[in-house]
Amino acid sequence: PNLDGAMVILDGEYDTQRTLKLTFFHNLQENDLIVELAPTDGKQYTVQFPKPLADGKNWTVRLEDDAHQWRLEKRWNTDKDGNAFQLVPKYNETPKA
């Protein structure tokens, strides 16, 4: 997989002028990466990492807006998922009484 940059394409309703934060966490390595994404073309964001992600098979990826109004998170297996993966919202359901 390409571990030296990212492209994020968002869908849905949100403020397209907000800066986004993309974070990669690895539970066995201390090489977490946090980058800010500024919009480059409407709903597309592109970033070149300051250094490539450390070689690791399992990452937790978090994408959130700078106002902390929403957050998407997913486990990413670089061997199984390759370069592309989809982050989707998880909706909390309120139990019915």
Protein backbone atom coordinates (compact mmCIF):
# COMPACT_ATOMS: atom_id res chain seq x y z
CA PRO A 1 0.00 0.00 0.00
CA ASN A 2 0.93 3.63 -0.47
CA LEU A 3 1.95 4.80 3.02
CA ASP A 4 3.23 8.29 2.19
CA GLY A 5 0.01 10.21 1.58
CA ALA A 6 -3.76 10.13 1.54
CA MET A 7 -6.74 11.32 -0.45
CA VAL A 8 -10.07 11.67 1.32
CA ILE A 9 -13.35 12.12 -0.54
CA LEU A 10 -16.34 12.99 1.64
CA ASP A 11 -20.02 12.64 0.92
CA GLY A 12 -22.93 14.02 2.87
CA GLU A 13 -23.73 17.33 4.50
CA TYR A 14 -20.95 19.11 6.34
CA ASP A 15 -19.06 22.41 6.23
CA THR A 16 -16.68 21.95 3.29
CA GLN A 17 -14.52 24.88 4.46
CA ARG A 18 -13.56 23.24 7.74
CA THR A 19 -10.14 21.73 8.22
CA LEU A 20 -10.16 18.01 8.93
CA LYS A 21 -7.82 15.98 11.11
CA LEU A 22 -6.71 12.53 9.95
CA THR A 23 -5.04 10.34 12.59
CA PHE A 24 -3.37 6.94 12.23
CA PHE A 25 -2.87 4.98 15.48
CA HIS A 26 -0.97 1.71 15.78
CA ASN A 27 -1.29 -0.32 18.97
CA LEU A 28 2.22 -1.83 18.80
CA GLN A 29 4.21 1.09 17.40
CA GLU A 30 4.92 4.57 18.65
CA ASN A 31 4.78 6.08 15.18
CA ASP A 32 1.26 7.53 15.26
CA LEU A 33 0.62 10.14 12.60
CA ILE A 34 -1.71 13.14 12.81
CA VAL A 35 -2.18 15.38 9.77
CA GLU A 36 -4.51 18.25 8.94
CA LEU A 37 -6.43 18.19 5.69
CA ALA A 38 -7.52 21.38 3.95
CA PRO A 39 -10.09 21.18 1.14
CA THR A 40 -8.47 21.04 -2.30
CA ASP A 41 -11.50 20.53 -4.52
CA GLY A 42 -14.92 20.76 -2.92
CA LYS A 43 -15.29 17.50 -1.03
CA GLN A 44 -11.82 16.15 -1.83
CA TYR A 45 -8.87 16.48 0.53
CA THR A 46 -5.30 15.44 -0.26
CA VAL A 47 -2.22 15.31 1.96
CA GLN A 48 1.37 14.17 1.62
CA PHE A 49 2.63 12.79 4.93
CA PRO A 50 5.77 14.36 6.46
CA LYS A 51 7.16 10.83 6.60
CA PRO A 52 5.66 7.52 5.43
CA LEU A 53 3.60 5.53 7.90
CA ALA A 54 5.64 2.89 9.66
CA ASP A 55 5.19 -0.54 8.17
CA GLY A 56 2.41 -2.14 10.17
CA LYS A 57 -0.50 -4.29 9.23
CA ASN A 58 -3.19 -2.91 11.51
CA TRP A 59 -3.93 0.78 12.00
CA THR A 60 -6.83 2.60 13.57
CA VAL A 61 -7.76 5.51 11.32
CA ARG A 62 -9.75 8.47 12.63
CA LEU A 63 -11.14 11.34 10.58
CA GLU A 64 -12.76 14.30 12.36
CA ASP A 65 -13.59 17.93 11.78
CA ASP A 66 -11.74 20.67 13.61
CA ALA A 67 -14.89 21.66 15.55
CA HIS A 68 -15.23 18.11 16.93
CA GLN A 69 -18.81 17.89 15.68
CA TRP A 70 -18.29 14.49 14.06
CA ARG A 71 -15.76 11.68 13.91
CA LEU A 72 -15.33 8.55 11.79
CA GLU A 73 -13.07 5.70 12.83
CA LYS A 74 -12.07 2.34 11.36
CA ARG A 75 -9.49 -0.42 11.73
CA TRP A 76 -7.36 -0.61 8.58
CA ASN A 77 -5.44 -3.77 7.72
CA THR A 78 -2.87 -2.75 5.11
CA ASP A 79 -2.48 -6.30 3.81
CA LYS A 80 -6.18 -7.07 3.49
CA ASP A 81 -7.63 -3.63 2.63
CA GLY A 82 -4.81 -2.31 0.43
CA ASN A 83 -4.75 1.41 -0.37
CA ALA A 84 -8.47 2.15 -0.22
CA PHE A 85 -11.10 1.78 2.46
CA GLN A 86 -14.38 3.39 3.42
CA LEU A 87 -15.23 5.15 6.66
CA VAL A 88 -18.94 5.13 7.46
CA PRO A 89 -20.81 6.64 10.39
CA LYS A 90 -22.05 4.48 13.20
CA TYR A 91 -25.38 5.62 14.51
CA ASN A 92 -26.33 5.08 18.13
CA GLU A 93 -29.78 3.63 18.51
CA THR A 94 -31.78 4.58 21.56
CA PRO A 95 -33.37 1.49 23.10
CA LYS A 96 -37.13 1.61 23.13
CA ALA A 97 -38.72 1.45 26.57
